[in-house]
Amino acid sequence: MEDKSAILVGASGLVGGELLNFLLQGEQYSKVIVLGRRPLNITHPKLEEIIVDFEYLDEYKESFSVDDVFCCLGTTIKKAKTKEGFKKVDVDYVLSLARIAKEMKVEKFLIVSSMGANQGSAIFYSKMKGLVEESLKKIGFNSLHIFRPSLLLGKRQEVRSGEAAASVLSQLLLFMFRGPLRKYRPIDAKVVAKGMYRAAQKERDGHYIYMSDEIFNLS
């Protein structure tokens, strides 16, 4: 087992939960720190859980002495209630996390974004994801990996009727997602998590963006 350590934020989410399994079961990390607002009720010799208030992340700065930071943090406007609430989680908290990681000399930052991320978009969700991506690039990580999956497949804790319907329809139309359209193919959260895990093991500097087809190839 290598003596690497990692921080994971968003472990209770769809991709984050799958990624936590890879981090705990793999041989690359001897310590995995999960930052979250509530306990996961999981025990593992590698796992250290820290219950945090994301409004005061600076108070947990010393915990960021790790090799890699994985960010799967995110919400929905329905859950956040307002656009301002959504921005607080998906933009403000993420950038606070990234700035502290950079200050603590973390070299590798990996994050789940979304297909269509574009800070110039008229769509609020896509605009916020694009804003985060551009802001992360300016922070100056030696190694930044941004994952832009298309429709995520997997069992969520909360029901999202729109996503469920889209998932069923897309499965019926899988034959269409070939060639140039392969990047729009729905992707299982476990595949995204595996892609993130494998990307973290590549020792290379620079900024990288992975669409769904590239995530499939990684995993």
Protein backbone atom coordinates (compact mmCIF):
# COMPACT_ATOMS: atom_id res chain seq x y z
CA MET A 1 0.00 0.00 0.00
CA GLU A 2 1.29 3.47 -0.91
CA ASP A 3 1.51 6.11 1.78
CA LYS A 4 -0.76 8.61 0.05
CA SER A 5 -3.58 10.51 1.70
CA ALA A 6 -6.71 12.11 0.29
CA ILE A 7 -9.61 14.34 1.21
CA LEU A 8 -13.06 13.58 -0.19
CA VAL A 9 -15.90 16.10 0.00
CA GLY A 10 -19.38 15.05 -1.06
CA ALA A 11 -19.09 11.40 0.02
CA SER A 12 -22.84 11.13 0.65
CA GLY A 13 -23.64 11.89 -2.99
CA LEU A 14 -24.02 9.61 -5.99
CA VAL A 15 -20.46 9.86 -7.34
CA GLY A 16 -18.90 10.59 -3.96
CA GLY A 17 -20.26 7.42 -2.40
CA GLU A 18 -18.83 5.29 -5.19
CA LEU A 19 -15.52 7.12 -5.04
CA LEU A 20 -15.25 6.54 -1.30
CA ASN A 21 -15.43 2.79 -1.95
CA PHE A 22 -12.55 2.98 -4.44
CA LEU A 23 -10.46 5.08 -2.08
CA LEU A 24 -10.98 2.73 0.85
CA GLN A 25 -10.63 -0.52 -1.07
CA GLY A 26 -7.73 0.48 -3.31
CA GLU A 27 -4.07 0.22 -2.37
CA GLN A 28 -3.04 3.75 -3.31
CA TYR A 29 -4.17 5.54 -0.14
CA SER A 30 -3.37 4.75 3.46
CA LYS A 31 -5.58 7.56 4.81
CA VAL A 32 -8.88 8.96 3.52
CA ILE A 33 -10.39 12.02 5.19
CA VAL A 34 -14.06 12.71 4.54
CA LEU A 35 -15.30 16.23 5.22
CA GLY A 36 -19.05 16.39 5.65
CA ARG A 37 -21.93 17.95 7.53
CA ARG A 38 -23.12 14.69 9.05
CA PRO A 39 -21.65 11.25 9.82
CA LEU A 40 -21.69 8.54 7.15
CA ASN A 41 -22.00 5.76 9.74
CA ILE A 42 -19.16 3.86 8.08
CA THR A 43 -16.15 2.39 9.83
CA HIS A 44 -12.88 1.54 8.10
CA PRO A 45 -9.25 1.58 9.32
CA LYS A 46 -8.29 4.10 6.60
CA LEU A 47 -11.25 6.40 7.15
CA GLU A 48 -11.23 9.60 9.18
CA GLU A 49 -14.46 11.59 9.26
CA ILE A 50 -14.50 15.27 10.15
CA ILE A 51 -17.84 16.98 10.65
CA VAL A 52 -17.46 20.52 9.33
CA ASP A 53 -19.37 23.74 8.97
CA PHE A 54 -18.63 24.78 5.39
CA GLU A 55 -19.12 28.42 6.37
CA TYR A 56 -15.95 28.12 8.46
CA LEU A 57 -13.72 25.81 6.43
CA ASP A 58 -10.62 27.76 7.47
CA GLU A 59 -10.99 26.24 10.93
CA TYR A 60 -10.17 22.81 9.45
CA LYS A 61 -7.16 23.98 7.46
CA GLU A 62 -4.70 21.65 9.20
CA SER A 63 -6.63 18.63 7.89
CA PHE A 64 -5.65 19.59 4.33
CA SER A 65 -2.12 18.23 4.59
CA VAL A 66 -2.89 15.55 2.01
CA ASP A 67 -1.78 14.52 -1.47
CA ASP A 68 -5.07 14.68 -3.38
CA VAL A 69 -8.41 16.42 -2.92
CA PHE A 70 -11.55 14.96 -4.52
CA CYS A 71 -14.57 17.27 -4.71
CA CYS A 72 -17.98 15.74 -5.40
CA LEU A 73 -19.85 18.51 -3.60
CA GLY A 74 -23.09 19.69 -5.16
CA THR A 75 -26.78 20.31 -4.67
CA THR A 76 -29.87 21.18 -6.70
CA ILE A 77 -31.93 24.37 -6.78
CA LYS A 78 -34.88 22.33 -5.50
CA LYS A 79 -32.88 21.20 -2.48
CA ALA A 80 -31.16 24.55 -1.94
CA LYS A 81 -34.51 26.39 -2.29
CA THR A 82 -32.99 29.41 -4.07
CA LYS A 83 -30.38 30.23 -6.70
CA GLU A 84 -28.37 31.95 -3.98
CA GLY A 85 -28.43 28.77 -1.89
CA PHE A 86 -27.33 26.72 -4.87
CA LYS A 87 -24.45 29.11 -5.60
CA LYS A 88 -23.31 28.95 -1.99
CA VAL A 89 -22.83 25.17 -2.18
CA ASP A 90 -21.75 24.64 -5.77
CA VAL A 91 -19.57 27.72 -6.11
CA ASP A 92 -18.64 29.37 -2.81
CA TYR A 93 -17.99 26.21 -0.78
CA VAL A 94 -16.12 24.55 -3.63
CA LEU A 95 -13.83 27.54 -4.16
CA SER A 96 -13.21 27.88 -0.41
CA LEU A 97 -12.20 24.22 -0.38
CA ALA A 98 -9.90 24.72 -3.37
CA ARG A 99 -8.21 27.85 -2.00
CA ILE A 100 -7.44 26.18 1.31
CA ALA A 101 -6.13 23.12 -0.51
CA LYS A 102 -3.83 25.33 -2.60
CA GLU A 103 -2.66 27.21 0.50
CA MET A 104 -1.82 23.89 2.14
CA LYS A 105 0.20 22.92 -0.96
CA VAL A 106 -2.13 20.22 -2.30
CA GLU A 107 -0.95 19.66 -5.86
CA LYS A 108 -3.80 17.56 -7.28
CA PHE A 109 -7.46 18.65 -7.23
CA LEU A 110 -10.18 16.55 -8.90
CA ILE A 111 -13.79 17.69 -9.23
CA VAL A 112 -17.10 16.55 -10.70
CA SER A 113 -18.58 19.30 -12.85
CA SER A 114 -21.20 18.86 -15.57
CA MET A 115 -21.48 18.55 -19.32
CA GLY A 116 -22.39 21.95 -20.70
CA ALA A 117 -20.47 23.90 -18.04
CA ASN A 118 -19.99 27.39 -19.46
CA GLN A 119 -19.84 30.61 -17.48
CA GLY A 120 -21.36 32.43 -20.47
CA SER A 121 -24.40 30.14 -20.57
CA ALA A 122 -27.93 31.52 -20.22
CA ILE A 123 -28.75 28.41 -18.16
CA PHE A 124 -28.08 29.14 -14.50
CA TYR A 125 -26.84 25.63 -13.62
CA SER A 126 -24.40 25.50 -16.54
CA LYS A 127 -23.27 29.06 -15.84
CA MET A 128 -22.43 28.26 -12.21
CA LYS A 129 -20.52 25.11 -13.18
CA GLY A 130 -18.58 27.09 -15.77
CA LEU A 131 -17.82 29.80 -13.21
CA VAL A 132 -16.37 27.21 -10.84
CA GLU A 133 -14.22 25.66 -13.55
CA GLU A 134 -12.73 28.97 -14.66
CA SER A 135 -12.12 30.03 -11.06
CA LEU A 136 -10.36 26.74 -10.28
CA LYS A 137 -8.02 27.22 -13.22
CA LYS A 138 -6.96 30.59 -11.81
CA ILE A 139 -6.16 29.17 -8.36
CA GLY A 140 -3.08 27.53 -9.85
CA PHE A 141 -3.07 23.85 -8.95
CA ASN A 142 -0.21 21.95 -10.54
CA SER A 143 -2.67 19.22 -11.49
CA LEU A 144 -6.39 20.01 -11.98
CA HIS A 145 -8.81 17.36 -13.25
CA ILE A 146 -12.37 18.37 -14.17
CA PHE A 147 -14.94 15.68 -14.94
CA ARG A 148 -17.95 16.62 -17.06
CA PRO A 149 -20.27 13.60 -17.07
CA SER A 150 -23.50 13.61 -19.03
CA LEU A 151 -26.65 12.21 -17.40
CA LEU A 152 -25.57 10.32 -14.27
CA LEU A 153 -27.00 6.87 -13.66
CA GLY A 154 -27.24 5.29 -10.24
CA LYS A 155 -29.43 5.03 -7.19
CA ARG A 156 -29.78 8.35 -5.43
CA GLN A 157 -30.96 8.86 -1.88
CA GLU A 158 -33.46 11.45 -3.07
CA VAL A 159 -35.88 10.95 -5.96
CA ARG A 160 -35.41 13.19 -8.99
CA SER A 161 -38.35 12.45 -11.25
CA GLY A 162 -36.95 14.39 -14.22
CA GLU A 163 -33.65 12.54 -14.13
CA ALA A 164 -35.41 9.20 -13.69
CA ALA A 165 -37.52 9.78 -16.80
CA ALA A 166 -34.51 10.95 -18.79
CA SER A 167 -32.56 7.90 -17.66
CA VAL A 168 -35.23 5.49 -18.88
CA LEU A 169 -35.54 7.28 -22.21
CA SER A 170 -31.79 7.44 -22.75
CA GLN A 171 -31.42 3.72 -22.08
CA LEU A 172 -33.92 3.06 -24.86
CA LEU A 173 -31.92 5.27 -27.21
CA LEU A 174 -28.41 4.03 -26.42
CA PHE A 175 -27.90 3.07 -30.07
CA MET A 176 -27.82 6.79 -30.91
CA PHE A 177 -24.83 7.59 -28.68
CA ARG A 178 -22.07 6.61 -31.08
CA GLY A 179 -19.19 8.40 -32.72
CA PRO A 180 -19.29 12.16 -32.02
CA LEU A 181 -22.40 11.64 -29.86
CA ARG A 182 -20.66 9.23 -27.49
CA LYS A 183 -19.81 12.03 -25.07
CA TYR A 184 -23.56 12.54 -24.51
CA ARG A 185 -24.13 8.93 -23.53
CA PRO A 186 -25.50 8.49 -19.97
CA ILE A 187 -22.83 7.30 -17.57
CA ASP A 188 -22.97 5.34 -14.35
CA ALA A 189 -21.75 7.15 -11.25
CA LYS A 190 -19.46 4.22 -10.50
CA VAL A 191 -17.71 4.71 -13.84
CA VAL A 192 -17.17 8.40 -13.08
CA ALA A 193 -15.79 7.54 -9.64
CA LYS A 194 -13.43 4.96 -11.09
CA GLY A 195 -12.25 7.46 -13.68
CA MET A 196 -11.51 10.01 -10.96
CA TYR A 197 -9.62 7.43 -8.93
CA ARG A 198 -7.49 6.40 -11.90
CA ALA A 199 -6.81 9.97 -13.01
CA ALA A 200 -5.46 10.71 -9.54
CA GLN A 201 -2.81 8.03 -9.99
CA LYS A 202 -1.39 9.67 -13.11
CA GLU A 203 1.62 11.79 -12.27
CA ARG A 204 1.22 14.66 -14.68
CA ASP A 205 0.84 18.41 -14.36
CA GLY A 206 -1.66 20.61 -16.17
CA HIS A 207 -5.39 21.17 -16.45
CA TYR A 208 -7.54 18.35 -17.84
CA ILE A 209 -11.23 18.17 -18.74
CA TYR A 210 -12.88 14.79 -19.27
CA MET A 211 -16.19 14.35 -21.10
CA SER A 212 -18.23 11.16 -20.64
CA ASP A 213 -16.53 9.29 -23.48
CA GLU A 214 -13.10 10.12 -22.02
CA ILE A 215 -14.26 9.10 -18.56
CA PHE A 216 -15.32 5.72 -19.99
CA ASN A 217 -11.83 5.33 -21.44
CA LEU A 218 -10.18 6.27 -18.14
CA SER A 219 -12.18 3.74 -16.15
